[in-house]
Amino acid sequence: MAPLKASPRPAAAPPPAPIPVTLTVNGVERTLHLAPWTTLLDALRLHLDLTGTKKGCDHGQCGACTVLVDGRRINACLTLAAMQDGRKVTTIEGLTTGDSLHPLQDAFIEHDAFQCGYCTPGQICSAAGLIAEGKATTDDEIRELMSGNLCRCGAYPNIVAAIRQAMATVAPKAEGAP
């Protein structure tokens, strides 16, 4: 039997060039040049130094990376930054107004709706989207619509209480409103 010869390996194709992605992040338009496979989460954390949005599971199962895109809740780890080109992204850092906390942030503090705090930015962004949607009217609906955001410390009753309080002060937005 003749010895097997290794066939030459074809040269690898060069990686794709970075692509321009323009996002309005927390009210500021930013153009980034990113690898096409860069997630929105990595664009925010690694390229814009907005580290409030957390990388938890990196599989869309925990909600720690929840941000608002055009006012809608999304898991930033599950979407490519390029898919959000031209859109408005709001992170936990963008919810404040000047020196004032967002009503949800105040309510989370008042109700001690966090322990370790790792999930808190995603919980608050998700709650902001939930309130804007105007779909939740009961505690059970809040729990159901927040079920994509996990809290390993188990602060769920306090999170629901904080959202309830904020719902009284933050009006839901009309369908399609920015």
N, C-alpha and C. Protein backbone atom coordinates (compact mmCIF):
# COMPACT_ATOMS: atom_id res chain seq x y z
N MET A 1 0.84 -1.17 0.00
CA MET A 1 0.00 0.00 0.00
C MET A 1 0.89 1.23 0.00
N ALA A 2 0.57 2.16 -0.87
CA ALA A 2 1.36 3.38 -0.98
C ALA A 2 1.06 4.30 0.19
N PRO A 3 2.09 4.99 0.69
CA PRO A 3 1.84 5.92 1.80
C PRO A 3 0.93 7.06 1.35
N LEU A 4 0.11 7.50 2.28
CA LEU A 4 -0.79 8.62 2.00
C LEU A 4 0.00 9.92 2.03
N LYS A 5 -0.30 10.76 1.08
CA LYS A 5 0.34 12.07 1.04
C LYS A 5 -0.68 13.12 1.47
N ALA A 6 -0.22 14.01 2.28
CA ALA A 6 -1.10 15.10 2.69
C ALA A 6 -1.25 16.06 1.52
N SER A 7 -2.48 16.42 1.27
CA SER A 7 -2.69 17.39 0.19
C SER A 7 -2.44 18.79 0.75
N PRO A 8 -1.91 19.64 -0.10
CA PRO A 8 -1.63 21.00 0.39
C PRO A 8 -2.93 21.69 0.79
N ARG A 9 -2.85 22.41 1.85
CA ARG A 9 -4.02 23.12 2.36
C ARG A 9 -4.16 24.43 1.57
N PRO A 10 -5.37 24.70 1.09
CA PRO A 10 -5.55 25.96 0.36
C PRO A 10 -5.35 27.14 1.30
N ALA A 11 -4.88 28.22 0.73
CA ALA A 11 -4.66 29.43 1.52
C ALA A 11 -6.00 29.94 2.04
N ALA A 12 -6.01 30.34 3.29
CA ALA A 12 -7.24 30.87 3.89
C ALA A 12 -7.55 32.23 3.28
N ALA A 13 -8.82 32.46 3.08
CA ALA A 13 -9.24 33.76 2.57
C ALA A 13 -8.99 34.81 3.64
N PRO A 14 -8.62 36.00 3.22
CA PRO A 14 -8.41 37.05 4.23
C PRO A 14 -9.74 37.37 4.92
N PRO A 15 -9.67 37.79 6.18
CA PRO A 15 -10.92 38.13 6.87
C PRO A 15 -11.58 39.33 6.20
N PRO A 16 -12.90 39.40 6.30
CA PRO A 16 -13.58 40.55 5.70
C PRO A 16 -13.14 41.85 6.36
N ALA A 17 -13.14 42.89 5.57
CA ALA A 17 -12.77 44.20 6.08
C ALA A 17 -13.84 44.70 7.05
N PRO A 18 -13.44 45.52 8.02
CA PRO A 18 -14.45 46.11 8.91
C PRO A 18 -15.48 46.90 8.10
N ILE A 19 -16.70 46.92 8.60
CA ILE A 19 -17.77 47.64 7.93
C ILE A 19 -18.22 48.82 8.80
N PRO A 20 -18.63 49.91 8.17
CA PRO A 20 -19.12 51.04 8.98
C PRO A 20 -20.53 50.76 9.49
N VAL A 21 -20.73 51.04 10.76
CA VAL A 21 -22.04 50.88 11.40
C VAL A 21 -22.32 52.17 12.16
N THR A 22 -23.43 52.80 11.84
CA THR A 22 -23.81 54.04 12.51
C THR A 22 -24.98 53.77 13.44
N LEU A 23 -24.77 54.07 14.70
CA LEU A 23 -25.78 53.89 15.74
C LEU A 23 -25.94 55.21 16.49
N THR A 24 -27.14 55.52 16.90
CA THR A 24 -27.34 56.63 17.82
C THR A 24 -27.47 56.00 19.19
N VAL A 25 -26.42 56.12 19.97
CA VAL A 25 -26.35 55.46 21.27
C VAL A 25 -26.53 56.50 22.36
N ASN A 26 -27.59 56.35 23.12
CA ASN A 26 -27.89 57.28 24.22
C ASN A 26 -27.91 58.73 23.73
N GLY A 27 -28.47 58.92 22.53
CA GLY A 27 -28.65 60.25 21.98
C GLY A 27 -27.48 60.79 21.19
N VAL A 28 -26.38 60.05 21.10
CA VAL A 28 -25.19 60.51 20.38
C VAL A 28 -24.95 59.60 19.18
N GLU A 29 -24.90 60.19 17.99
CA GLU A 29 -24.64 59.38 16.80
C GLU A 29 -23.17 58.99 16.76
N ARG A 30 -22.93 57.70 16.56
CA ARG A 30 -21.57 57.16 16.53
C ARG A 30 -21.42 56.27 15.31
N THR A 31 -20.34 56.44 14.57
CA THR A 31 -20.02 55.54 13.47
C THR A 31 -18.82 54.71 13.88
N LEU A 32 -19.00 53.42 13.85
CA LEU A 32 -17.95 52.47 14.22
C LEU A 32 -17.56 51.67 12.99
N HIS A 33 -16.33 51.18 12.97
CA HIS A 33 -15.88 50.27 11.92
C HIS A 33 -15.64 48.93 12.59
N LEU A 34 -16.53 47.99 12.31
CA LEU A 34 -16.58 46.73 13.05
C LEU A 34 -16.46 45.53 12.13
N ALA A 35 -15.94 44.46 12.67
CA ALA A 35 -15.99 43.18 11.96
C ALA A 35 -17.47 42.84 11.78
N PRO A 36 -17.84 42.25 10.66
CA PRO A 36 -19.26 41.97 10.41
C PRO A 36 -19.92 41.09 11.46
N TRP A 37 -19.16 40.31 12.19
CA TRP A 37 -19.73 39.39 13.19
C TRP A 37 -19.78 39.99 14.60
N THR A 38 -19.48 41.28 14.74
CA THR A 38 -19.49 41.92 16.05
C THR A 38 -20.93 42.07 16.55
N THR A 39 -21.18 41.55 17.73
CA THR A 39 -22.52 41.70 18.31
C THR A 39 -22.72 43.13 18.80
N LEU A 40 -23.96 43.51 18.95
CA LEU A 40 -24.26 44.82 19.51
C LEU A 40 -23.68 44.93 20.91
N LEU A 41 -23.74 43.86 21.68
CA LEU A 41 -23.18 43.86 23.03
C LEU A 41 -21.69 44.19 23.00
N ASP A 42 -20.94 43.52 22.13
CA ASP A 42 -19.50 43.78 22.06
C ASP A 42 -19.21 45.18 21.51
N ALA A 43 -20.03 45.66 20.59
CA ALA A 43 -19.84 47.02 20.09
C ALA A 43 -20.00 48.02 21.23
N LEU A 44 -21.02 47.83 22.06
CA LEU A 44 -21.25 48.74 23.18
C LEU A 44 -20.13 48.67 24.21
N ARG A 45 -19.79 47.47 24.62
CA ARG A 45 -18.81 47.29 25.70
C ARG A 45 -17.37 47.53 25.25
N LEU A 46 -16.99 46.96 24.11
CA LEU A 46 -15.59 46.98 23.71
C LEU A 46 -15.20 48.17 22.84
N HIS A 47 -16.16 48.70 22.09
CA HIS A 47 -15.83 49.79 21.17
C HIS A 47 -16.31 51.15 21.67
N LEU A 48 -17.33 51.17 22.51
CA LEU A 48 -17.85 52.44 23.04
C LEU A 48 -17.63 52.59 24.53
N ASP A 49 -17.04 51.58 25.17
CA ASP A 49 -16.76 51.60 26.61
C ASP A 49 -18.00 51.82 27.46
N LEU A 50 -19.14 51.35 27.00
CA LEU A 50 -20.37 51.40 27.78
C LEU A 50 -20.53 50.05 28.45
N THR A 51 -19.98 49.94 29.64
CA THR A 51 -19.90 48.64 30.31
C THR A 51 -21.07 48.36 31.26
N GLY A 52 -22.05 49.25 31.28
CA GLY A 52 -23.23 48.99 32.11
C GLY A 52 -24.00 47.78 31.61
N THR A 53 -24.05 47.60 30.30
CA THR A 53 -24.71 46.44 29.71
C THR A 53 -23.81 45.24 29.94
N LYS A 54 -24.34 44.21 30.57
CA LYS A 54 -23.50 43.08 31.01
C LYS A 54 -23.54 41.91 30.04
N LYS A 55 -22.42 41.20 29.98
CA LYS A 55 -22.35 39.94 29.23
C LYS A 55 -22.54 38.83 30.25
N GLY A 56 -23.68 38.19 30.18
CA GLY A 56 -23.98 37.10 31.11
C GLY A 56 -23.72 35.77 30.44
N CYS A 57 -24.74 35.24 29.81
CA CYS A 57 -24.64 33.90 29.20
C CYS A 57 -24.10 33.95 27.78
N ASP A 58 -24.25 35.08 27.09
CA ASP A 58 -23.86 35.25 25.68
C ASP A 58 -24.66 34.33 24.76
N HIS A 59 -25.83 33.88 25.22
CA HIS A 59 -26.69 33.01 24.43
C HIS A 59 -28.15 33.48 24.44
N GLY A 60 -28.43 34.66 24.98
CA GLY A 60 -29.79 35.17 25.01
C GLY A 60 -30.70 34.51 26.03
N GLN A 61 -30.12 33.88 27.04
CA GLN A 61 -30.93 33.16 28.01
C GLN A 61 -31.10 33.88 29.34
N CYS A 62 -30.29 34.91 29.61
CA CYS A 62 -30.34 35.51 30.94
C CYS A 62 -30.87 36.94 30.96
N GLY A 63 -30.76 37.67 29.86
CA GLY A 63 -31.27 39.04 29.81
C GLY A 63 -30.36 40.10 30.39
N ALA A 64 -29.16 39.73 30.86
CA ALA A 64 -28.25 40.72 31.44
C ALA A 64 -27.83 41.77 30.41
N CYS A 65 -27.92 41.43 29.13
CA CYS A 65 -27.47 42.33 28.07
C CYS A 65 -28.62 43.13 27.45
N THR A 66 -29.79 43.13 28.07
CA THR A 66 -30.95 43.81 27.49
C THR A 66 -30.70 45.30 27.34
N VAL A 67 -30.95 45.80 26.12
CA VAL A 67 -30.92 47.23 25.81
C VAL A 67 -32.20 47.54 25.04
N LEU A 68 -32.42 48.81 24.79
CA LEU A 68 -33.57 49.23 23.99
C LEU A 68 -33.07 49.66 22.62
N VAL A 69 -33.67 49.12 21.57
CA VAL A 69 -33.37 49.54 20.20
C VAL A 69 -34.67 50.10 19.63
N ASP A 70 -34.63 51.38 19.31
CA ASP A 70 -35.83 52.08 18.87
C ASP A 70 -36.98 51.85 19.86
N GLY A 71 -36.63 51.81 21.16
CA GLY A 71 -37.61 51.69 22.22
C GLY A 71 -38.05 50.27 22.54
N ARG A 72 -37.56 49.29 21.78
CA ARG A 72 -37.97 47.90 22.00
C ARG A 72 -36.85 47.13 22.68
N ARG A 73 -37.23 46.22 23.57
CA ARG A 73 -36.26 45.42 24.31
C ARG A 73 -35.62 44.37 23.41
N ILE A 74 -34.29 44.28 23.46
CA ILE A 74 -33.61 43.20 22.75
C ILE A 74 -32.43 42.71 23.58
N ASN A 75 -32.03 41.48 23.34
CA ASN A 75 -30.81 40.95 23.94
C ASN A 75 -29.66 41.33 23.01
N ALA A 76 -28.77 42.19 23.50
CA ALA A 76 -27.68 42.70 22.66
C ALA A 76 -26.69 41.61 22.26
N CYS A 77 -26.67 40.50 22.98
CA CYS A 77 -25.75 39.41 22.63
C CYS A 77 -26.25 38.61 21.44
N LEU A 78 -27.52 38.75 21.08
CA LEU A 78 -28.10 37.94 20.01
C LEU A 78 -28.24 38.68 18.69
N THR A 79 -27.85 39.92 18.63
CA THR A 79 -27.99 40.68 17.39
C THR A 79 -26.64 41.25 16.98
N LEU A 80 -26.40 41.24 15.70
CA LEU A 80 -25.17 41.84 15.19
C LEU A 80 -25.33 43.35 15.17
N ALA A 81 -24.26 44.05 15.47
CA ALA A 81 -24.30 45.51 15.45
C ALA A 81 -24.73 46.01 14.08
N ALA A 82 -24.25 45.36 13.02
CA ALA A 82 -24.58 45.78 11.66
C ALA A 82 -26.08 45.71 11.38
N MET A 83 -26.78 44.80 12.05
CA MET A 83 -28.23 44.68 11.87
C MET A 83 -28.97 45.88 12.46
N GLN A 84 -28.32 46.62 13.32
CA GLN A 84 -28.94 47.76 13.99
C GLN A 84 -28.49 49.09 13.38
N ASP A 85 -27.79 49.03 12.27
CA ASP A 85 -27.28 50.23 11.60
C ASP A 85 -28.42 51.24 11.40
N GLY A 86 -28.18 52.48 11.82
CA GLY A 86 -29.16 53.54 11.66
C GLY A 86 -30.20 53.62 12.76
N ARG A 87 -30.11 52.76 13.75
CA ARG A 87 -31.12 52.73 14.80
C ARG A 87 -30.67 53.45 16.07
N LYS A 88 -31.65 53.69 16.95
CA LYS A 88 -31.39 54.33 18.24
C LYS A 88 -31.26 53.26 19.31
N VAL A 89 -30.14 53.27 20.02
CA VAL A 89 -29.87 52.29 21.07
C VAL A 89 -29.82 53.03 22.40
N THR A 90 -30.55 52.54 23.38
CA THR A 90 -30.49 53.11 24.72
C THR A 90 -29.99 52.04 25.67
N THR A 91 -28.92 52.38 26.39
CA THR A 91 -28.36 51.48 27.40
C THR A 91 -28.72 52.03 28.77
N ILE A 92 -28.33 51.33 29.80
CA ILE A 92 -28.58 51.79 31.17
C ILE A 92 -27.98 53.18 31.39
N GLU A 93 -26.85 53.46 30.75
CA GLU A 93 -26.21 54.77 30.91
C GLU A 93 -27.06 55.89 30.31
N GLY A 94 -27.91 55.56 29.34
CA GLY A 94 -28.70 56.56 28.65
C GLY A 94 -30.08 56.80 29.24
N LEU A 95 -30.44 56.08 30.28
CA LEU A 95 -31.76 56.27 30.88
C LEU A 95 -31.84 57.49 31.77
N THR A 96 -30.73 57.93 32.31
CA THR A 96 -30.74 59.08 33.21
C THR A 96 -30.95 60.36 32.42
N THR A 97 -31.43 61.37 33.10
CA THR A 97 -31.59 62.69 32.51
C THR A 97 -30.75 63.66 33.33
N GLY A 98 -29.61 64.05 32.80
CA GLY A 98 -28.73 64.92 33.56
C GLY A 98 -28.27 64.22 34.82
N ASP A 99 -28.49 64.87 35.95
CA ASP A 99 -28.10 64.29 37.23
C ASP A 99 -29.23 63.48 37.88
N SER A 100 -30.38 63.43 37.23
CA SER A 100 -31.53 62.74 37.80
C SER A 100 -31.59 61.30 37.32
N LEU A 101 -31.88 60.40 38.24
CA LEU A 101 -32.06 59.01 37.88
C LEU A 101 -33.41 58.82 37.19
N HIS A 102 -33.49 57.81 36.37
CA HIS A 102 -34.77 57.41 35.76
C HIS A 102 -35.67 56.91 36.89
N PRO A 103 -36.98 57.09 36.79
CA PRO A 103 -37.88 56.60 37.84
C PRO A 103 -37.69 55.12 38.16
N LEU A 104 -37.33 54.31 37.17
CA LEU A 104 -37.06 52.90 37.44
C LEU A 104 -35.83 52.73 38.32
N GLN A 105 -34.81 53.51 38.06
CA GLN A 105 -33.60 53.42 38.88
C GLN A 105 -33.91 53.82 40.32
N ASP A 106 -34.67 54.90 40.48
CA ASP A 106 -35.10 55.31 41.83
C ASP A 106 -35.90 54.20 42.51
N ALA A 107 -36.82 53.60 41.77
CA ALA A 107 -37.67 52.56 42.35
C ALA A 107 -36.87 51.31 42.70
N PHE A 108 -35.89 50.95 41.87
CA PHE A 108 -35.05 49.78 42.18
C PHE A 108 -34.28 50.03 43.47
N ILE A 109 -33.81 51.25 43.67
CA ILE A 109 -33.09 51.58 44.90
C ILE A 109 -34.06 51.53 46.09
N GLU A 110 -35.21 52.18 45.94
CA GLU A 110 -36.18 52.24 47.03
C GLU A 110 -36.66 50.85 47.46
N HIS A 111 -36.84 49.96 46.50
CA HIS A 111 -37.38 48.62 46.81
C HIS A 111 -36.29 47.57 46.98
N ASP A 112 -35.04 48.01 46.99
CA ASP A 112 -33.91 47.08 47.14
C ASP A 112 -34.06 45.92 46.15
N ALA A 113 -34.27 46.29 44.88
CA ALA A 113 -34.57 45.31 43.84
C ALA A 113 -33.32 44.73 43.19
N PHE A 114 -32.27 44.64 43.96
CA PHE A 114 -31.03 44.04 43.47
C PHE A 114 -30.24 43.58 44.67
N GLN A 115 -29.39 42.62 44.48
CA GLN A 115 -28.46 42.24 45.54
C GLN A 115 -27.05 42.40 45.00
N CYS A 116 -26.62 41.49 44.14
CA CYS A 116 -25.27 41.63 43.60
C CYS A 116 -25.22 42.73 42.54
N GLY A 117 -26.34 43.00 41.86
CA GLY A 117 -26.42 44.09 40.90
C GLY A 117 -26.05 43.72 39.47
N TYR A 118 -25.58 42.50 39.23
CA TYR A 118 -25.13 42.15 37.89
C TYR A 118 -26.27 42.20 36.87
N CYS A 119 -27.44 41.73 37.24
CA CYS A 119 -28.57 41.70 36.31
C CYS A 119 -29.30 43.03 36.23
N THR A 120 -29.02 43.94 37.14
CA THR A 120 -29.82 45.16 37.28
C THR A 120 -29.90 46.01 36.02
N PRO A 121 -28.80 46.28 35.30
CA PRO A 121 -28.95 47.09 34.08
C PRO A 121 -29.91 46.47 33.07
N GLY A 122 -29.80 45.17 32.87
CA GLY A 122 -30.71 44.49 31.95
C GLY A 122 -32.14 44.48 32.46
N GLN A 123 -32.31 44.29 33.77
CA GLN A 123 -33.65 44.32 34.36
C GLN A 123 -34.29 45.70 34.16
N ILE A 124 -33.52 46.76 34.41
CA ILE A 124 -34.07 48.11 34.30
C ILE A 124 -34.39 48.45 32.85
N CYS A 125 -33.49 48.13 31.92
CA CYS A 125 -33.78 48.40 30.50
C CYS A 125 -34.99 47.60 30.04
N SER A 126 -35.08 46.36 30.45
CA SER A 126 -36.24 45.54 30.08
C SER A 126 -37.52 46.13 30.68
N ALA A 127 -37.45 46.57 31.92
CA ALA A 127 -38.62 47.17 32.57
C ALA A 127 -39.02 48.46 31.87
N ALA A 128 -38.05 49.26 31.42
CA ALA A 128 -38.37 50.49 30.69
C ALA A 128 -39.12 50.15 29.40
N GLY A 129 -38.66 49.12 28.71
CA GLY A 129 -39.37 48.68 27.50
C GLY A 129 -40.75 48.15 27.82
N LEU A 130 -40.85 47.40 28.90
CA LEU A 130 -42.13 46.84 29.33
C LEU A 130 -43.14 47.95 29.61
N ILE A 131 -42.71 48.97 30.32
CA ILE A 131 -43.61 50.08 30.64
C ILE A 131 -44.02 50.80 29.36
N ALA A 132 -43.06 51.02 28.46
CA ALA A 132 -43.36 51.70 27.20
C ALA A 132 -44.37 50.91 26.36
N GLU A 133 -44.29 49.58 26.43
CA GLU A 133 -45.23 48.73 25.69
C GLU A 133 -46.65 48.86 26.23
N GLY A 134 -46.78 49.15 27.53
CA GLY A 134 -48.09 49.33 28.15
C GLY A 134 -48.93 48.07 28.23
N LYS A 135 -48.30 46.89 28.17
CA LYS A 135 -49.05 45.63 28.17
C LYS A 135 -49.30 45.06 29.56
N ALA A 136 -48.44 45.35 30.50
CA ALA A 136 -48.55 44.74 31.83
C ALA A 136 -49.45 45.59 32.72
N THR A 137 -50.45 44.95 33.31
CA THR A 137 -51.31 45.66 34.26
C THR A 137 -51.34 44.98 35.62
N THR A 138 -50.90 43.73 35.68
CA THR A 138 -50.91 43.00 36.95
C THR A 138 -49.50 42.51 37.27
N ASP A 139 -49.30 42.13 38.52
CA ASP A 139 -48.01 41.58 38.92
C ASP A 139 -47.68 40.31 38.12
N ASP A 140 -48.68 39.48 37.87
CA ASP A 140 -48.44 38.26 37.08
C ASP A 140 -47.99 38.60 35.67
N GLU A 141 -48.60 39.63 35.07
CA GLU A 141 -48.19 40.04 33.72
C GLU A 141 -46.78 40.61 33.74
N ILE A 142 -46.44 41.37 34.78
CA ILE A 142 -45.07 41.88 34.90
C ILE A 142 -44.10 40.71 34.97
N ARG A 143 -44.39 39.74 35.83
CA ARG A 143 -43.51 38.58 35.96
C ARG A 143 -43.36 37.84 34.63
N GLU A 144 -44.46 37.65 33.94
CA GLU A 144 -44.43 36.94 32.65
C GLU A 144 -43.61 37.72 31.62
N LEU A 145 -43.85 39.01 31.51
CA LEU A 145 -43.18 39.81 30.49
C LEU A 145 -41.73 40.14 30.85
N MET A 146 -41.35 39.91 32.09
CA MET A 146 -39.96 40.09 32.51
C MET A 146 -39.24 38.75 32.63
N SER A 147 -39.88 37.66 32.22
CA SER A 147 -39.32 36.33 32.45
C SER A 147 -38.03 36.07 31.67
N GLY A 148 -37.72 36.89 30.70
CA GLY A 148 -36.46 36.74 29.97
C GLY A 148 -35.27 37.33 30.70
N ASN A 149 -35.51 37.95 31.84
CA ASN A 149 -34.43 38.54 32.63
C ASN A 149 -34.31 37.78 33.94
N LEU A 150 -33.20 37.09 34.09
CA LEU A 150 -32.98 36.26 35.27
C LEU A 150 -32.21 37.02 36.35
N CYS A 151 -32.55 36.72 37.60
CA CYS A 151 -31.83 37.26 38.75
C CYS A 151 -31.41 36.08 39.60
N ARG A 152 -30.13 35.79 39.60
CA ARG A 152 -29.64 34.63 40.36
C ARG A 152 -29.77 34.84 41.87
N CYS A 153 -29.87 36.09 42.30
CA CYS A 153 -30.00 36.37 43.73
C CYS A 153 -31.45 36.21 44.21
N GLY A 154 -32.40 36.17 43.29
CA GLY A 154 -33.79 35.95 43.68
C GLY A 154 -34.51 37.18 44.18
N ALA A 155 -34.20 38.34 43.63
CA ALA A 155 -34.84 39.58 44.08
C ALA A 155 -36.15 39.86 43.34
N TYR A 156 -36.77 38.83 42.79
CA TYR A 156 -37.95 39.02 41.94
C TYR A 156 -39.10 39.79 42.59
N PRO A 157 -39.50 39.51 43.84
CA PRO A 157 -40.60 40.29 44.42
C PRO A 157 -40.28 41.79 44.49
N ASN A 158 -39.04 42.10 44.79
CA ASN A 158 -38.64 43.51 44.88
C ASN A 158 -38.58 44.14 43.49
N ILE A 159 -38.18 43.37 42.49
CA ILE A 159 -38.14 43.87 41.11
C ILE A 159 -39.56 44.20 40.65
N VAL A 160 -40.49 43.31 40.91
CA VAL A 160 -41.89 43.54 40.53
C VAL A 160 -42.42 44.78 41.25
N ALA A 161 -42.13 44.93 42.53
CA ALA A 161 -42.59 46.11 43.29
C ALA A 161 -42.00 47.39 42.71
N ALA A 162 -40.73 47.35 42.32
CA ALA A 162 -40.09 48.53 41.74
C ALA A 162 -40.73 48.90 40.40
N ILE A 163 -41.01 47.90 39.59
CA ILE A 163 -41.65 48.16 38.29
C ILE A 163 -43.04 48.73 38.51
N ARG A 164 -43.77 48.18 39.46
CA ARG A 164 -45.12 48.68 39.78
C ARG A 164 -45.07 50.16 40.14
N GLN A 165 -44.11 50.52 41.00
CA GLN A 165 -43.98 51.92 41.41
C GLN A 165 -43.66 52.79 40.21
N ALA A 166 -42.72 52.37 39.38
CA ALA A 166 -42.33 53.18 38.22
C ALA A 166 -43.47 53.30 37.21
N MET A 167 -44.29 52.27 37.10
CA MET A 167 -45.43 52.32 36.17
C MET A 167 -46.38 53.46 36.52
N ALA A 168 -46.43 53.82 37.79
CA ALA A 168 -47.32 54.89 38.23
C ALA A 168 -46.81 56.27 37.80
N THR A 169 -45.51 56.37 37.48
CA THR A 169 -44.95 57.67 37.14
C THR A 169 -44.48 57.79 35.69
N VAL A 170 -44.29 56.66 35.00
CA VAL A 170 -43.82 56.67 33.62
C VAL A 170 -44.96 56.21 32.73
N ALA A 171 -45.38 57.07 31.82
CA ALA A 171 -46.50 56.73 30.94
C ALA A 171 -46.04 55.81 29.82
N PRO A 172 -46.88 54.84 29.45
CA PRO A 172 -46.55 54.01 28.29
C PRO A 172 -46.59 54.85 27.02
N LYS A 173 -45.79 54.43 26.03
CA LYS A 173 -45.76 55.16 24.76
C LYS A 173 -46.74 54.52 23.79
N ALA A 174 -47.31 55.36 22.94
CA ALA A 174 -48.24 54.86 21.93
C ALA A 174 -47.49 53.96 20.95
N GLU A 175 -48.20 53.01 20.36
CA GLU A 175 -47.62 52.08 19.39
C GLU A 175 -46.91 52.87 18.29
N GLY A 176 -45.65 52.54 18.06
CA GLY A 176 -44.87 53.19 17.01
C GLY A 176 -44.22 54.49 17.44
N ALA A 177 -44.48 54.97 18.64
CA ALA A 177 -43.87 56.23 19.10
C ALA A 177 -42.42 55.99 19.46
N PRO A 178 -41.55 56.97 19.23
CA PRO A 178 -40.13 56.80 19.57
C PRO A 178 -39.89 56.80 21.06
